Amino acid sequence: MTRMAAERATTRPTDRRHPLVAAAMVVPLAFALAFMTGGIDAVVTQASSVAGTLGR
């Protein structure tokens, strides 16, 4: 192994994603999975029942 290849193999990448970028990548997938499995309907149902309870 050459010296340059050895340095590349042992150095850790310093570039990391910003947490907001990671969230922007994951949130659409989470919404898609929630929509496909009916999770959004469950959240809407729960929110409306909580809103009804708080409105009394």
PDB file of N, CA and C in Angstrom:
ATOM      1  N   MET A   1       0.846  -1.176   0.000  1.00  0.00           N
ATOM      2  CA  MET A   1       0.000   0.000   0.000  1.00  0.00           C
ATOM      3  C   MET A   1       0.890   1.237   0.000  1.00  0.00           C
ATOM      4  N   THR A   2       0.551   2.177  -0.834  1.00  0.00           N
ATOM      5  CA  THR A   2       1.352   3.391  -0.871  1.00  0.00           C
ATOM      6  C   THR A   2       1.025   4.267   0.326  1.00  0.00           C
ATOM      7  N   ARG A   3       1.864   5.249   0.557  1.00  0.00           N
ATOM      8  CA  ARG A   3       1.662   6.123   1.715  1.00  0.00           C
ATOM      9  C   ARG A   3       0.347   6.893   1.607  1.00  0.00           C
ATOM     10  N   MET A   4       0.022   7.397   0.409  1.00  0.00           N
ATOM     11  CA  MET A   4      -1.211   8.174   0.217  1.00  0.00           C
ATOM     12  C   MET A   4      -2.426   7.279   0.458  1.00  0.00           C
ATOM     13  N   ALA A   5      -2.403   6.063  -0.037  1.00  0.00           N
ATOM     14  CA  ALA A   5      -3.520   5.139   0.166  1.00  0.00           C
ATOM     15  C   ALA A   5      -3.657   4.774   1.635  1.00  0.00           C
ATOM     16  N   ALA A   6      -2.548   4.620   2.327  1.00  0.00           N
ATOM     17  CA  ALA A   6      -2.589   4.293   3.750  1.00  0.00           C
ATOM     18  C   ALA A   6      -3.186   5.450   4.547  1.00  0.00           C
ATOM     19  N   GLU A   7      -2.838   6.685   4.169  1.00  0.00           N
ATOM     20  CA  GLU A   7      -3.398   7.840   4.873  1.00  0.00           C
ATOM     21  C   GLU A   7      -4.905   7.937   4.650  1.00  0.00           C
ATOM     22  N   ARG A   8      -5.346   7.672   3.427  1.00  0.00           N
ATOM     23  CA  ARG A   8      -6.781   7.725   3.146  1.00  0.00           C
ATOM     24  C   ARG A   8      -7.528   6.632   3.890  1.00  0.00           C
ATOM     25  N   ALA A   9      -6.912   5.490   4.050  1.00  0.00           N
ATOM     26  CA  ALA A   9      -7.571   4.363   4.703  1.00  0.00           C
ATOM     27  C   ALA A   9      -7.684   4.577   6.210  1.00  0.00           C
ATOM     28  N   THR A  10      -6.773   5.328   6.786  1.00  0.00           N
ATOM     29  CA  THR A  10      -6.784   5.482   8.240  1.00  0.00           C
ATOM     30  C   THR A  10      -7.451   6.769   8.714  1.00  0.00           C
ATOM     31  N   THR A  11      -7.636   7.737   7.821  1.00  0.00           N
ATOM     32  CA  THR A  11      -8.256   8.987   8.264  1.00  0.00           C
ATOM     33  C   THR A  11      -9.766   8.837   8.275  1.00  0.00           C
ATOM     34  N   ARG A  12     -10.381   9.474   9.256  1.00  0.00           N
ATOM     35  CA  ARG A  12     -11.836   9.442   9.371  1.00  0.00           C
ATOM     36  C   ARG A  12     -12.412  10.632   8.632  1.00  0.00           C
ATOM     37  N   PRO A  13     -13.535  10.457   7.989  1.00  0.00           N
ATOM     38  CA  PRO A  13     -14.128  11.608   7.309  1.00  0.00           C
ATOM     39  C   PRO A  13     -14.604  12.647   8.327  1.00  0.00           C
ATOM     40  N   THR A  14     -14.299  13.895   8.060  1.00  0.00           N
ATOM     41  CA  THR A  14     -14.688  14.957   8.975  1.00  0.00           C
ATOM     42  C   THR A  14     -15.979  15.624   8.535  1.00  0.00           C
ATOM     43  N   ASP A  15     -16.396  15.373   7.287  1.00  0.00           N
ATOM     44  CA  ASP A  15     -17.633  15.972   6.796  1.00  0.00           C
ATOM     45  C   ASP A  15     -18.813  15.185   7.324  1.00  0.00           C
ATOM     46  N   ARG A  16     -19.656  15.859   8.073  1.00  0.00           N
ATOM     47  CA  ARG A  16     -20.871  15.235   8.584  1.00  0.00           C
ATOM     48  C   ARG A  16     -22.050  16.069   8.151  1.00  0.00           C
ATOM     49  N   ARG A  17     -23.195  15.424   8.040  1.00  0.00           N
ATOM     50  CA  ARG A  17     -24.403  16.153   7.677  1.00  0.00           C
ATOM     51  C   ARG A  17     -24.900  16.961   8.862  1.00  0.00           C
ATOM     52  N   HIS A  18     -25.423  18.107   8.558  1.00  0.00           N
ATOM     53  CA  HIS A  18     -26.075  18.913   9.580  1.00  0.00           C
ATOM     54  C   HIS A  18     -27.355  18.192   9.994  1.00  0.00           C
ATOM     55  N   PRO A  19     -27.732  18.234  11.266  1.00  0.00           N
ATOM     56  CA  PRO A  19     -28.944  17.536  11.710  1.00  0.00           C
ATOM     57  C   PRO A  19     -30.207  17.943  10.941  1.00  0.00           C
ATOM     58  N   LEU A  20     -30.297  19.200  10.526  1.00  0.00           N
ATOM     59  CA  LEU A  20     -31.472  19.618   9.757  1.00  0.00           C
ATOM     60  C   LEU A  20     -31.495  18.973   8.376  1.00  0.00           C
ATOM     61  N   VAL A  21     -30.325  18.772   7.792  1.00  0.00           N
ATOM     62  CA  VAL A  21     -30.260  18.103   6.492  1.00  0.00           C
ATOM     63  C   VAL A  21     -30.689  16.647   6.646  1.00  0.00           C
ATOM     64  N   ALA A  22     -30.237  16.016   7.705  1.00  0.00           N
ATOM     65  CA  ALA A  22     -30.636  14.630   7.958  1.00  0.00           C
ATOM     66  C   ALA A  22     -32.137  14.536   8.191  1.00  0.00           C
ATOM     67  N   ALA A  23     -32.691  15.486   8.933  1.00  0.00           N
ATOM     68  CA  ALA A  23     -34.136  15.479   9.174  1.00  0.00           C
ATOM     69  C   ALA A  23     -34.906  15.716   7.882  1.00  0.00           C
ATOM     70  N   ALA A  24     -34.402  16.610   7.037  1.00  0.00           N
ATOM     71  CA  ALA A  24     -35.062  16.881   5.763  1.00  0.00           C
ATOM     72  C   ALA A  24     -35.053  15.651   4.856  1.00  0.00           C
ATOM     73  N   MET A  25     -34.082  14.792   5.034  1.00  0.00           N
ATOM     74  CA  MET A  25     -34.031  13.566   4.243  1.00  0.00           C
ATOM     75  C   MET A  25     -34.985  12.508   4.794  1.00  0.00           C
ATOM     76  N   VAL A  26     -35.170  12.478   6.100  1.00  0.00           N
ATOM     77  CA  VAL A  26     -35.943  11.410   6.731  1.00  0.00           C
ATOM     78  C   VAL A  26     -37.430  11.726   6.812  1.00  0.00           C
ATOM     79  N   VAL A  27     -37.778  12.990   7.020  1.00  0.00           N
ATOM     80  CA  VAL A  27     -39.180  13.354   7.244  1.00  0.00           C
ATOM     81  C   VAL A  27     -40.092  12.954   6.080  1.00  0.00           C
ATOM     82  N   PRO A  28     -39.724  13.206   4.816  1.00  0.00           N
ATOM     83  CA  PRO A  28     -40.616  12.774   3.736  1.00  0.00           C
ATOM     84  C   PRO A  28     -40.852  11.266   3.717  1.00  0.00           C
ATOM     85  N   LEU A  29     -39.834  10.498   4.009  1.00  0.00           N
ATOM     86  CA  LEU A  29     -39.994   9.052   4.073  1.00  0.00           C
ATOM     87  C   LEU A  29     -40.916   8.662   5.219  1.00  0.00           C
ATOM     88  N   ALA A  30     -40.783   9.333   6.350  1.00  0.00           N
ATOM     89  CA  ALA A  30     -41.653   9.036   7.491  1.00  0.00           C
ATOM     90  C   ALA A  30     -43.111   9.348   7.154  1.00  0.00           C
ATOM     91  N   PHE A  31     -43.344  10.478   6.487  1.00  0.00           N
ATOM     92  CA  PHE A  31     -44.715  10.809   6.091  1.00  0.00           C
ATOM     93  C   PHE A  31     -45.265   9.793   5.096  1.00  0.00           C
ATOM     94  N   ALA A  32     -44.445   9.371   4.156  1.00  0.00           N
ATOM     95  CA  ALA A  32     -44.895   8.386   3.172  1.00  0.00           C
ATOM     96  C   ALA A  32     -45.261   7.067   3.853  1.00  0.00           C
ATOM     97  N   LEU A  33     -44.428   6.622   4.781  1.00  0.00           N
ATOM     98  CA  LEU A  33     -44.731   5.378   5.493  1.00  0.00           C
ATOM     99  C   LEU A  33     -45.978   5.522   6.357  1.00  0.00           C
ATOM    100  N   ALA A  34     -46.133   6.673   7.004  1.00  0.00           N
ATOM    101  CA  ALA A  34     -47.322   6.896   7.827  1.00  0.00           C
ATOM    102  C   ALA A  34     -48.578   6.917   6.957  1.00  0.00           C
ATOM    103  N   PHE A  35     -48.488   7.532   5.789  1.00  0.00           N
ATOM    104  CA  PHE A  35     -49.636   7.589   4.890  1.00  0.00           C
ATOM    105  C   PHE A  35     -49.999   6.195   4.388  1.00  0.00           C
ATOM    106  N   MET A  36     -48.984   5.410   4.033  1.00  0.00           N
ATOM    107  CA  MET A  36     -49.236   4.066   3.487  1.00  0.00           C
ATOM    108  C   MET A  36     -49.795   3.113   4.540  1.00  0.00           C
ATOM    109  N   THR A  37     -49.451   3.312   5.786  1.00  0.00           N
ATOM    110  CA  THR A  37     -49.905   2.393   6.830  1.00  0.00           C
ATOM    111  C   THR A  37     -51.120   2.919   7.589  1.00  0.00           C
ATOM    112  N   GLY A  38     -51.642   4.081   7.204  1.00  0.00           N
ATOM    113  CA  GLY A  38     -52.812   4.619   7.870  1.00  0.00           C
ATOM    114  C   GLY A  38     -52.496   5.367   9.143  1.00  0.00           C
ATOM    115  N   GLY A  39     -51.253   5.674   9.386  1.00  0.00           N
ATOM    116  CA  GLY A  39     -50.850   6.368  10.604  1.00  0.00           C
ATOM    117  C   GLY A  39     -51.341   7.794  10.663  1.00  0.00           C
ATOM    118  N   ILE A  40     -51.472   8.447   9.511  1.00  0.00           N
ATOM    119  CA  ILE A  40     -51.932   9.836   9.494  1.00  0.00           C
ATOM    120  C   ILE A  40     -53.380   9.912   9.945  1.00  0.00           C
ATOM    121  N   ASP A  41     -54.204   8.969   9.500  1.00  0.00           N
ATOM    122  CA  ASP A  41     -55.607   8.946   9.935  1.00  0.00           C
ATOM    123  C   ASP A  41     -55.712   8.758  11.446  1.00  0.00           C
ATOM    124  N   ALA A  42     -54.846   7.918  11.997  1.00  0.00           N
ATOM    125  CA  ALA A  42     -54.868   7.689  13.443  1.00  0.00           C
ATOM    126  C   ALA A  42     -54.487   8.952  14.198  1.00  0.00           C
ATOM    127  N   VAL A  43     -53.497   9.683  13.704  1.00  0.00           N
ATOM    128  CA  VAL A  43     -53.075  10.919  14.363  1.00  0.00           C
ATOM    129  C   VAL A  43     -54.187  11.959  14.289  1.00  0.00           C
ATOM    130  N   VAL A  44     -54.837  12.071  13.133  1.00  0.00           N
ATOM    131  CA  VAL A  44     -55.931  13.038  12.987  1.00  0.00           C
ATOM    132  C   VAL A  44     -57.068  12.680  13.927  1.00  0.00           C
ATOM    133  N   THR A  45     -57.389  11.404  14.026  1.00  0.00           N
ATOM    134  CA  THR A  45     -58.463  10.964  14.916  1.00  0.00           C
ATOM    135  C   THR A  45     -58.132  11.289  16.370  1.00  0.00           C
ATOM    136  N   GLN A  46     -56.910  11.005  16.782  1.00  0.00           N
ATOM    137  CA  GLN A  46     -56.501  11.295  18.162  1.00  0.00           C
ATOM    138  C   GLN A  46     -56.512  12.795  18.437  1.00  0.00           C
ATOM    139  N   ALA A  47     -56.015  13.585  17.480  1.00  0.00           N
ATOM    140  CA  ALA A  47     -55.965  15.030  17.672  1.00  0.00           C
ATOM    141  C   ALA A  47     -57.372  15.612  17.785  1.00  0.00           C
ATOM    142  N   SER A  48     -58.294  15.108  16.974  1.00  0.00           N
ATOM    143  CA  SER A  48     -59.657  15.645  17.044  1.00  0.00           C
ATOM    144  C   SER A  48     -60.330  15.254  18.361  1.00  0.00           C
ATOM    145  N   SER A  49     -60.048  14.061  18.867  1.00  0.00           N
ATOM    146  CA  SER A  49     -60.654  13.672  20.136  1.00  0.00           C
ATOM    147  C   SER A  49     -60.055  14.476  21.306  1.00  0.00           C
ATOM    148  N   VAL A  50     -58.754  14.767  21.241  1.00  0.00           N
ATOM    149  CA  VAL A  50     -58.133  15.594  22.275  1.00  0.00           C
ATOM    150  C   VAL A  50     -58.682  17.009  22.200  1.00  0.00           C
ATOM    151  N   ALA A  51     -58.826  17.535  20.984  1.00  0.00           N
ATOM    152  CA  ALA A  51     -59.387  18.876  20.829  1.00  0.00           C
ATOM    153  C   ALA A  51     -60.815  18.938  21.351  1.00  0.00           C
ATOM    154  N   GLY A  52     -61.591  17.879  21.127  1.00  0.00           N
ATOM    155  CA  GLY A  52     -62.955  17.826  21.654  1.00  0.00           C
ATOM    156  C   GLY A  52     -62.974  17.782  23.160  1.00  0.00           C
ATOM    157  N   THR A  53     -62.038  17.041  23.742  1.00  0.00           N
ATOM    158  CA  THR A  53     -61.953  16.947  25.202  1.00  0.00           C
ATOM    159  C   THR A  53     -61.548  18.285  25.814  1.00  0.00           C
ATOM    160  N   LEU A  54     -60.617  18.963  25.190  1.00  0.00           N
ATOM    161  CA  LEU A  54     -60.164  20.260  25.713  1.00  0.00           C
ATOM    162  C   LEU A  54     -61.234  21.338  25.526  1.00  0.00           C
ATOM    163  N   GLY A  55     -62.094  21.156  24.546  1.00  0.00           N
ATOM    164  CA  GLY A  55     -63.119  22.152  24.273  1.00  0.00           C
ATOM    165  C   GLY A  55     -64.288  22.094  25.239  1.00  0.00           C
ATOM    166  N   ARG A  56     -64.404  21.046  26.017  1.00  0.00           N
ATOM    167  CA  ARG A  56     -65.543  20.909  26.937  1.00  0.00           C
ATOM    168  C   ARG A  56     -65.470  21.879  28.073  1.00  0.00           C
TER     169      ARG A  56
END
